[in-house]
Amino acid sequence: MSEALFEITKAATFDAAHRLPDGPEGSPYTRLHGHSFRVEASVRGPAAPPVGWVADLASLDAALKAVAAELDHTLLNDHAGLQSPTLEAICLLFAERLKPAFPGLSRIRVSRPTIGESCALAVD
């Protein structure tokens, strides 16, 4: 049997405003509006010794919440890389920020639960 691979996931939330400056002309996306966001980060790998875990869930939780806190109650367009703050761009931002500390980062999922929208990024 091959080595078992596991995937652990933590989630955080934040609320922020944004607008899509290059959205379709006349669409509501181009106007300033806000959402409640939920972001999930998953790390994949074997259960490594000596502890027997993929990664420290508390460390993943703290890192994820730190990035979410930077975005919370801000205008997303004001953040580097989020000049057009689509769900895709937000996924990329979280991946770029978390990957150095979590080399096994495998997936970022950002959703707007109140309107049933989400985007997932498979991380290499």
Protein backbone atom coordinates (compact mmCIF):
# COMPACT_ATOMS: atom_id res chain seq x y z
CA MET A 1 0.00 0.00 0.00
CA SER A 2 1.29 3.46 -0.87
CA GLU A 3 1.79 6.14 1.76
CA ALA A 4 -1.49 7.66 2.94
CA LEU A 5 -2.02 11.30 1.99
CA PHE A 6 -4.28 13.50 4.07
CA GLU A 7 -5.76 16.95 3.52
CA ILE A 8 -6.43 19.26 6.45
CA THR A 9 -8.52 22.42 6.15
CA LYS A 10 -9.07 25.56 8.20
CA ALA A 11 -11.49 28.41 7.51
CA ALA A 12 -11.71 32.11 8.28
CA THR A 13 -14.17 34.88 7.47
CA PHE A 14 -13.95 38.56 6.65
CA ASP A 15 -16.22 41.34 5.42
CA ALA A 16 -15.06 43.78 2.77
CA ALA A 17 -16.19 46.16 0.07
CA HIS A 18 -15.11 46.12 -3.54
CA ARG A 19 -15.97 47.07 -7.07
CA LEU A 20 -14.91 45.60 -10.39
CA PRO A 21 -13.61 48.57 -12.37
CA ASP A 22 -13.48 46.56 -15.59
CA GLY A 23 -16.82 44.81 -15.12
CA PRO A 24 -19.49 44.88 -17.80
CA GLU A 25 -20.64 48.41 -18.51
CA GLY A 26 -23.75 49.31 -16.55
CA SER A 27 -23.53 46.20 -14.34
CA PRO A 28 -23.91 46.38 -10.57
CA TYR A 29 -20.41 44.87 -10.24
CA THR A 30 -18.81 48.20 -11.14
CA ARG A 31 -20.54 49.97 -8.25
CA LEU A 32 -19.12 49.87 -4.72
CA HIS A 33 -20.70 47.05 -2.72
CA GLY A 34 -19.73 44.61 0.02
CA HIS A 35 -19.79 40.94 0.90
CA SER A 36 -19.13 38.55 3.72
CA PHE A 37 -16.39 36.19 2.59
CA ARG A 38 -15.33 32.76 3.80
CA VAL A 39 -11.89 31.45 2.90
CA GLU A 40 -10.66 27.89 3.36
CA ALA A 41 -7.05 26.75 3.09
CA SER A 42 -6.16 23.08 2.68
CA VAL A 43 -2.77 21.47 3.18
CA ARG A 44 -2.09 18.02 1.76
CA GLY A 45 0.58 15.51 2.69
CA PRO A 46 1.49 12.46 4.71
CA ALA A 47 1.07 12.33 8.47
CA ALA A 48 4.70 13.15 9.28
CA PRO A 49 6.58 12.11 12.39
CA PRO A 50 7.18 12.78 15.16
CA VAL A 51 3.68 14.18 15.80
CA GLY A 52 1.89 12.30 13.03
CA TRP A 53 0.14 15.23 11.38
CA VAL A 54 0.21 16.94 7.97
CA ALA A 55 0.76 20.37 9.51
CA ASP A 56 -0.02 22.18 12.73
CA LEU A 57 -3.68 23.19 12.45
CA ALA A 58 -3.20 26.01 14.97
CA SER A 59 -0.42 27.51 12.83
CA LEU A 60 -2.54 27.21 9.68
CA ASP A 61 -5.47 28.79 11.51
CA ALA A 62 -3.36 31.72 12.74
CA ALA A 63 -1.79 32.37 9.32
CA LEU A 64 -5.13 32.20 7.52
CA LYS A 65 -6.83 34.49 10.03
CA ALA A 66 -3.96 36.98 9.84
CA VAL A 67 -4.41 37.42 6.08
CA ALA A 68 -8.19 37.62 6.47
CA ALA A 69 -7.77 40.27 9.19
CA GLU A 70 -5.73 42.43 6.80
CA LEU A 71 -8.69 42.43 4.38
CA ASP A 72 -11.47 42.70 6.96
CA HIS A 73 -13.53 45.88 6.73
CA THR A 74 -11.40 47.37 3.97
CA LEU A 75 -11.84 48.25 0.34
CA LEU A 76 -10.32 45.25 -1.44
CA ASN A 77 -9.35 47.37 -4.46
CA ASP A 78 -6.81 49.18 -2.25
CA HIS A 79 -4.72 46.01 -1.71
CA ALA A 80 -1.83 45.07 -4.01
CA GLY A 81 -2.98 42.37 -6.41
CA LEU A 82 -6.65 43.14 -5.85
CA GLN A 83 -7.14 46.11 -8.14
CA SER A 84 -9.85 43.95 -9.74
CA PRO A 85 -10.89 41.91 -6.68
CA THR A 86 -12.54 38.89 -8.24
CA LEU A 87 -12.89 35.65 -6.31
CA GLU A 88 -10.04 34.34 -8.47
CA ALA A 89 -7.75 37.22 -7.45
CA ILE A 90 -8.59 36.73 -3.78
CA CYS A 91 -7.74 33.01 -4.06
CA LEU A 92 -4.37 33.90 -5.58
CA LEU A 93 -3.61 36.42 -2.83
CA PHE A 94 -4.25 33.87 -0.08
CA ALA A 95 -2.20 31.22 -1.90
CA GLU A 96 0.76 33.57 -2.35
CA ARG A 97 0.68 34.56 1.30
CA LEU A 98 0.27 31.04 2.76
CA LYS A 99 2.41 28.88 0.46
CA PRO A 100 5.81 29.91 1.91
CA ALA A 101 4.85 28.71 5.40
CA PHE A 102 2.83 25.71 4.18
CA PRO A 103 4.59 24.02 1.25
CA GLY A 104 1.87 21.36 1.14
CA LEU A 105 -0.82 24.00 0.47
CA SER A 106 -3.14 22.28 -1.99
CA ARG A 107 -6.32 24.33 -2.24
CA ILE A 108 -7.74 27.76 -1.50
CA ARG A 109 -11.50 28.21 -1.64
CA VAL A 110 -13.13 31.64 -1.33
CA SER A 111 -16.88 31.92 -1.09
CA ARG A 112 -19.64 34.43 -0.56
CA PRO A 113 -22.03 32.14 1.31
CA THR A 114 -24.96 34.55 1.45
CA ILE A 115 -25.21 34.56 -2.34
CA GLY A 116 -24.03 31.01 -3.00
CA GLU A 117 -20.87 31.84 -4.96
CA SER A 118 -17.42 30.31 -4.61
CA CYS A 119 -14.12 29.81 -6.37
CA ALA A 120 -11.46 27.19 -5.67
CA LEU A 121 -7.81 27.31 -6.65
CA ALA A 122 -5.80 24.11 -6.89
CA VAL A 123 -2.33 25.04 -5.65
CA ASP A 124 0.78 23.30 -7.02
